Amino acid sequence: MSKSGYIGQSVSVSCALRQVEQVSMLSVSKDEDSIYISAPSDNPILSTNIEQLQATVNVNVDDLTFLFTFNQLSCDLEGEYTIQINNETNAKATFELFIKSKYFFSKTKA
């Protein structure tokens, strides 16, 4: 899966969860580098901000929903992201984020 957006915009990635009964751990990595690991938990709902990515993550096991939102895109956010819930035993999703420039330049003859 891939998502794209313009610099300064927000972009969201959503997924339906299956066979997840609680959120004991959430981890986010970018290009195979760990960015975020949550504290251990036994909640059915997790909502957190990841300042480094200017992103918000919301997981609701009761509604079987997952939403990852980049609040303000910048060039350094482009890459491949892997989101993992509850270690390797439950849910894992990977997506690529592409950043578009709002402006383009074309050559014109004088």
Protein backbone atom coordinates (compact mmCIF):
# COMPACT_ATOMS: atom_id res chain seq x y z
CA MET A 1 0.00 0.00 0.00
CA SER A 2 1.19 3.53 -0.62
CA LYS A 3 0.01 7.03 0.26
CA SER A 4 1.11 10.38 -1.05
CA GLY A 5 0.48 14.00 -0.23
CA TYR A 6 1.83 17.49 -0.61
CA ILE A 7 4.22 19.23 1.78
CA GLY A 8 2.23 20.80 4.63
CA GLN A 9 -0.85 18.59 4.15
CA SER A 10 -2.08 15.82 6.41
CA VAL A 11 -2.40 12.22 5.21
CA SER A 12 -4.04 9.26 6.94
CA VAL A 13 -3.65 5.52 6.60
CA SER A 14 -6.45 3.34 7.98
CA CYS A 15 -6.89 -0.40 8.32
CA ALA A 16 -9.46 -2.80 9.68
CA LEU A 17 -8.18 -4.98 12.53
CA ARG A 18 -8.83 -8.71 12.78
CA GLN A 19 -8.41 -10.97 15.79
CA VAL A 20 -6.93 -8.24 18.00
CA GLU A 21 -8.45 -8.19 21.47
CA GLN A 22 -6.22 -5.63 23.18
CA VAL A 23 -3.32 -3.33 22.44
CA SER A 24 -0.43 -4.55 24.57
CA MET A 25 2.24 -2.89 22.40
CA LEU A 26 2.51 -0.62 19.38
CA SER A 27 5.69 -0.06 17.40
CA VAL A 28 6.43 2.14 14.40
CA SER A 29 9.50 1.88 12.21
CA LYS A 30 10.60 3.85 9.16
CA ASP A 31 12.91 2.28 6.60
CA GLU A 32 13.65 -0.49 9.14
CA ASP A 33 14.72 1.99 11.86
CA SER A 34 12.64 1.93 15.05
CA ILE A 35 10.86 5.28 15.56
CA TYR A 36 8.39 4.55 18.38
CA ILE A 37 7.58 1.77 20.86
CA SER A 38 4.69 2.22 23.26
CA ALA A 39 4.75 1.37 26.95
CA PRO A 40 3.19 -2.03 27.79
CA SER A 41 -0.59 -1.86 28.11
CA ASP A 42 -3.70 -4.05 28.24
CA ASN A 43 -6.17 -1.53 26.86
CA PRO A 44 -8.57 -2.06 23.96
CA ILE A 45 -7.93 1.55 22.85
CA LEU A 46 -4.65 3.36 22.22
CA SER A 47 -4.23 6.96 21.12
CA THR A 48 -0.80 8.52 20.97
CA ASN A 49 1.19 11.30 19.34
CA ILE A 50 4.56 10.59 17.77
CA GLU A 51 6.25 13.99 17.82
CA GLN A 52 9.22 12.93 15.70
CA LEU A 53 6.83 12.18 12.81
CA GLN A 54 4.25 14.86 13.61
CA ALA A 55 1.79 11.97 13.61
CA THR A 56 -1.14 10.61 15.59
CA VAL A 57 -1.98 6.92 16.00
CA ASN A 58 -5.42 5.69 17.07
CA VAL A 59 -6.19 2.01 17.60
CA ASN A 60 -9.64 0.90 18.74
CA VAL A 61 -10.00 -2.85 19.19
CA ASP A 62 -13.72 -2.57 20.02
CA ASP A 63 -14.38 -0.94 16.62
CA LEU A 64 -11.61 -2.97 14.91
CA THR A 65 -10.08 0.23 13.53
CA PHE A 66 -6.56 1.56 13.12
CA LEU A 67 -5.79 5.12 11.97
CA PHE A 68 -2.32 6.61 11.46
CA THR A 69 -2.29 10.31 10.55
CA PHE A 70 0.67 12.41 9.52
CA ASN A 71 -0.44 15.89 10.64
CA GLN A 72 1.94 17.94 8.51
CA LEU A 73 3.95 16.38 5.70
CA SER A 74 7.57 17.30 5.09
CA CYS A 75 10.21 15.85 2.76
CA ASP A 76 12.01 13.98 5.55
CA LEU A 77 8.89 11.89 6.28
CA GLU A 78 9.02 10.10 2.92
CA GLY A 79 9.81 6.39 3.29
CA GLU A 80 8.50 2.93 4.10
CA TYR A 81 6.67 2.54 7.42
CA THR A 82 5.86 -0.63 9.35
CA ILE A 83 3.28 -0.55 12.13
CA GLN A 84 3.10 -3.50 14.48
CA ILE A 85 0.54 -4.19 17.20
CA ASN A 86 1.20 -6.74 19.97
CA ASN A 87 4.64 -7.96 18.86
CA GLU A 88 4.74 -10.29 15.86
CA THR A 89 1.76 -12.36 16.96
CA ASN A 90 -1.12 -10.08 16.01
CA ALA A 91 -1.13 -7.31 13.41
CA LYS A 92 1.50 -5.82 11.14
CA ALA A 93 1.06 -3.40 8.24
CA THR A 94 3.56 -1.78 5.90
CA PHE A 95 2.98 1.24 3.68
CA GLU A 96 5.07 3.67 1.68
CA LEU A 97 4.69 7.43 1.98
CA PHE A 98 5.56 9.67 -0.96
CA ILE A 99 5.83 13.45 -0.67
CA LYS A 100 4.82 15.62 -3.62
CA SER A 101 6.01 19.14 -4.22
CA LYS A 102 3.33 21.82 -4.53
CA TYR A 103 5.37 23.60 -7.15
CA PHE A 104 6.93 22.57 -10.39
CA PHE A 105 9.11 24.44 -12.78
CA SER A 106 9.02 24.32 -16.53
CA LYS A 107 11.41 25.75 -19.05
CA THR A 108 10.08 28.58 -21.16
CA LYS A 109 11.71 30.18 -24.14
CA ALA A 110 12.60 33.86 -23.81
